[in-house]
Amino acid sequence: QVQLVESGGGLVQAGGSLRLSCAASGMIFSINAVGWYRQAPGKQRELVAAINSGGSTYYANAVKGRFTISRDNDKNTVYLQMNSLKPEDTAVYYCNAGPWVVVTTSFTSFGSWGKGTQVTVSS
């Protein structure tokens, strides 16, 4: 059974930093792309960043230059380092894994999601 558990969220002031972790089990983690997503109240879930099995990355324009995605296949974990946080980054952050095209363009088709981790940035 595939399981993804997000952690590392919290309350931080604008300009601060957080590092989120996505721990995976029940899959051959190293061959999968992994995406970080966020959903703010009243808004649709959006892709924030993604990393493929070879380490290539994608970032949404809103976070480019501030967020960094990385992976440690030995630990079956993907990280999202978030710097220079803004109040508009406030959301529940989720991760999910699968083929690159699904992670980046068809993520609404994922059958299940973890509980996510809340990130709140105060002004």
Protein backbone atom coordinates (compact mmCIF):
# COMPACT_ATOMS: atom_id res chain seq x y z
CA GLN A 1 0.00 0.00 0.00
CA VAL A 2 1.42 3.33 -1.09
CA GLN A 3 1.65 5.88 1.68
CA LEU A 4 2.93 9.45 1.63
CA VAL A 5 3.27 11.45 4.82
CA GLU A 6 3.90 15.18 4.81
CA SER A 7 5.49 17.01 7.74
CA GLY A 8 7.34 20.16 8.65
CA GLY A 9 4.66 22.80 8.37
CA GLY A 10 4.04 25.49 10.93
CA LEU A 11 3.53 29.17 11.64
CA VAL A 12 6.24 31.52 10.45
CA GLN A 13 6.60 35.25 9.91
CA ALA A 14 6.91 36.69 6.44
CA GLY A 15 10.48 36.35 5.24
CA GLY A 16 11.05 33.21 7.26
CA SER A 17 11.82 29.66 6.17
CA LEU A 18 10.43 26.17 6.56
CA ARG A 19 11.49 22.77 5.27
CA LEU A 20 8.77 20.29 4.42
CA SER A 21 9.34 16.55 4.19
CA CYS A 22 7.44 13.93 2.21
CA ALA A 23 8.17 10.39 3.38
CA ALA A 24 7.07 7.57 1.08
CA SER A 25 6.50 3.88 1.63
CA GLY A 26 4.97 1.03 -0.32
CA MET A 27 6.45 2.02 -3.67
CA ILE A 28 9.70 1.90 -5.62
CA PHE A 29 10.30 5.49 -4.67
CA SER A 30 13.41 6.12 -6.72
CA ILE A 31 11.73 5.64 -10.10
CA ASN A 32 8.87 8.00 -9.43
CA ALA A 33 8.55 11.71 -9.90
CA VAL A 34 7.30 13.55 -6.82
CA GLY A 35 5.36 16.77 -6.65
CA TRP A 36 4.58 19.23 -3.91
CA TYR A 37 1.19 20.87 -4.12
CA ARG A 38 -0.72 23.40 -2.05
CA GLN A 39 -4.31 24.32 -1.50
CA ALA A 40 -5.36 27.58 0.09
CA PRO A 41 -8.88 28.06 1.47
CA GLY A 42 -11.37 28.57 -1.34
CA LYS A 43 -8.80 27.84 -4.04
CA GLN A 44 -7.95 24.85 -6.19
CA ARG A 45 -4.98 22.67 -5.45
CA GLU A 46 -1.96 23.80 -7.42
CA LEU A 47 1.44 22.35 -8.28
CA VAL A 48 4.26 24.11 -6.47
CA ALA A 49 7.31 22.07 -7.44
CA ALA A 50 8.23 18.68 -8.84
CA ILE A 51 11.32 16.52 -9.16
CA ASN A 52 11.82 13.51 -11.40
CA SER A 53 13.84 10.37 -10.84
CA GLY A 54 16.91 11.94 -12.43
CA GLY A 55 16.75 15.07 -10.31
CA SER A 56 15.31 17.46 -12.88
CA THR A 57 12.99 19.98 -11.33
CA TYR A 58 10.02 22.18 -12.07
CA TYR A 59 8.85 25.23 -10.11
CA ALA A 60 5.71 27.29 -10.36
CA ASN A 61 6.45 30.91 -11.20
CA ALA A 62 5.11 32.05 -7.84
CA VAL A 63 7.84 30.18 -5.94
CA LYS A 64 10.74 30.22 -8.38
CA GLY A 65 13.89 31.45 -6.69
CA ARG A 66 12.43 30.99 -3.19
CA PHE A 67 11.62 27.26 -2.95
CA THR A 68 13.94 24.32 -3.60
CA ILE A 69 12.82 20.71 -4.06
CA SER A 70 15.23 17.86 -3.45
CA ARG A 71 15.11 14.13 -2.88
CA ASP A 72 16.98 11.52 -0.86
CA ASN A 73 16.20 8.14 -2.41
CA ASP A 74 18.02 6.28 0.37
CA LYS A 75 15.54 7.76 2.83
CA ASN A 76 12.54 7.60 0.47
CA THR A 77 12.00 11.28 1.20
CA VAL A 78 11.50 14.43 -0.81
CA TYR A 79 12.04 17.85 0.72
CA LEU A 80 10.73 21.31 -0.04
CA GLN A 81 12.92 24.09 1.32
CA MET A 82 10.87 27.26 1.46
CA ASN A 83 12.65 30.58 1.95
CA SER A 84 11.47 34.20 1.88
CA LEU A 85 7.97 33.05 2.71
CA LYS A 86 5.06 35.35 1.95
CA PRO A 87 1.54 35.46 3.40
CA GLU A 88 0.25 34.22 0.03
CA ASP A 89 2.19 30.99 0.58
CA THR A 90 -0.26 30.12 3.36
CA ALA A 91 -1.92 26.81 2.46
CA VAL A 92 -2.04 23.12 3.21
CA TYR A 93 0.87 21.48 1.42
CA TYR A 94 0.62 17.97 -0.01
CA CYS A 95 2.93 15.63 -1.88
CA ASN A 96 2.23 12.86 -4.32
CA ALA A 97 4.24 10.56 -6.57
CA GLY A 98 3.94 8.92 -9.95
CA PRO A 99 4.93 9.38 -13.59
CA TRP A 100 6.23 12.85 -14.46
CA VAL A 101 3.31 13.70 -16.76
CA VAL A 102 0.82 12.84 -14.04
CA VAL A 103 2.71 14.66 -11.29
CA THR A 104 2.98 17.83 -13.36
CA THR A 105 -0.13 17.96 -15.53
CA SER A 106 -2.71 15.40 -14.39
CA PHE A 107 -2.37 15.45 -10.63
CA THR A 108 -6.10 15.87 -10.15
CA SER A 109 -6.34 12.25 -11.23
CA PHE A 110 -4.47 10.95 -8.18
CA GLY A 111 -6.78 8.59 -6.34
CA SER A 112 -5.58 9.42 -2.86
CA TRP A 113 -3.80 12.17 -0.99
CA GLY A 114 -2.16 12.39 2.40
CA LYS A 115 -3.36 14.67 5.17
CA GLY A 116 -0.98 17.42 4.18
CA THR A 117 0.86 19.85 6.41
CA GLN A 118 -0.35 23.35 7.21
CA VAL A 119 1.89 26.29 6.41
CA THR A 120 0.82 29.66 7.77
CA VAL A 121 2.80 32.81 7.03
CA SER A 122 1.94 35.88 9.05
CA SER A 123 2.52 39.40 7.80
